[in-house]
């Protein structure tokens, strides 16, 4: 079945049913993504025979949030007593 064949029946669904379809599709895509990431991680690790770093495991999550704070290490008051 071609995706465009689904459009007409989907348009006839109630809002509630459309939301259920969306949730189903999101879950399916997340599962596929998780599976693909797991497989690529496994193949990369088996090729390198190394333990993944936190950066490797975080993957595309790195840098996805912005706290709005600058680098706290540049403010001397935040570094007071550090290293003593």
Protein backbone atom coordinates (compact mmCIF):
# COMPACT_ATOMS: atom_id res chain seq x y z
CA UNK A 1 0.00 0.00 0.00
CA UNK A 2 1.23 3.47 -0.87
CA UNK A 3 1.13 6.13 1.84
CA UNK A 4 -0.99 8.45 -0.33
CA UNK A 5 -3.68 5.73 -0.40
CA UNK A 6 -4.06 6.24 3.36
CA UNK A 7 -4.70 9.97 3.23
CA UNK A 8 -8.36 9.89 2.21
CA UNK A 9 -9.41 7.37 4.91
CA UNK A 10 -7.38 9.26 7.51
CA UNK A 11 -9.17 12.51 6.68
CA UNK A 12 -12.48 10.84 7.54
CA UNK A 13 -11.36 9.81 11.04
CA UNK A 14 -12.46 11.69 14.12
CA UNK A 15 -9.93 13.91 15.88
CA UNK A 16 -9.58 11.32 18.64
CA UNK A 17 -8.85 8.53 16.16
CA UNK A 18 -6.38 10.73 14.26
CA UNK A 19 -4.53 11.31 17.53
CA UNK A 20 -4.44 7.54 18.13
CA UNK A 21 -2.99 7.02 14.64
CA UNK A 22 -0.39 9.72 15.28
CA UNK A 23 0.59 8.15 18.60
CA UNK A 24 0.90 4.77 16.91
CA UNK A 25 3.11 6.20 14.16
CA UNK A 26 5.29 8.08 16.64
CA UNK A 27 5.75 4.90 18.68
CA UNK A 28 6.60 2.92 15.55
CA UNK A 29 9.15 5.52 14.43
CA UNK A 30 10.72 5.65 17.90
CA UNK A 31 11.02 1.86 17.97
CA UNK A 32 12.61 1.83 14.52
CA UNK A 33 15.01 4.59 15.53
CA UNK A 34 15.92 2.77 18.75
CA UNK A 35 16.50 -0.44 16.82
CA UNK A 36 18.63 1.31 14.19
CA UNK A 37 20.72 3.09 16.84
CA UNK A 38 21.19 -0.14 18.79
CA UNK A 39 22.29 -1.99 15.68
CA UNK A 40 24.73 0.73 14.62
CA UNK A 41 26.09 0.96 18.19
CA UNK A 42 26.53 -2.81 18.33
CA UNK A 43 28.32 -2.94 15.00
CA UNK A 44 30.53 0.01 15.91
CA UNK A 45 31.40 -1.51 19.28
CA UNK A 46 32.05 -4.95 17.85
CA UNK A 47 34.32 -3.38 15.24
CA UNK A 48 36.26 -1.36 17.84
CA UNK A 49 35.91 -3.72 20.82
CA UNK A 50 35.67 -0.72 23.11
CA UNK A 51 33.33 0.42 25.84
CA UNK A 52 31.17 3.37 24.73
CA UNK A 53 31.78 6.73 26.36
CA UNK A 54 29.02 8.85 27.87
CA UNK A 55 29.25 11.02 24.75
CA UNK A 56 28.73 7.96 22.53
CA UNK A 57 25.69 6.89 24.51
CA UNK A 58 24.18 10.39 24.62
CA UNK A 59 24.52 10.62 20.84
CA UNK A 60 22.21 13.22 19.31
CA UNK A 61 21.06 14.42 22.76
CA UNK A 62 24.32 16.32 23.22
CA UNK A 63 23.65 20.03 22.86
CA UNK A 64 19.89 19.69 22.39
CA UNK A 65 19.10 21.83 25.47
CA UNK A 66 20.14 25.35 26.29
CA UNK A 67 19.99 26.37 29.95
CA UNK A 68 20.55 30.01 29.08
CA UNK A 69 23.47 30.08 31.51
CA UNK A 70 26.93 30.97 30.40
CA UNK A 71 30.03 29.04 31.40
CA UNK A 72 29.91 29.15 35.20
CA UNK A 73 33.65 28.55 35.44
CA UNK A 74 34.28 32.07 34.13
CA UNK A 75 32.55 33.64 37.15
CA UNK A 76 35.04 33.80 40.05
CA UNK A 77 32.28 33.67 42.68
CA UNK A 78 31.17 30.25 41.42
CA UNK A 79 34.73 28.97 41.62
CA UNK A 80 35.35 30.18 45.18
CA UNK A 81 36.76 27.38 47.30
CA UNK A 82 37.08 25.02 44.34
CA UNK A 83 40.21 22.91 44.57
CA UNK A 84 41.01 23.72 48.21
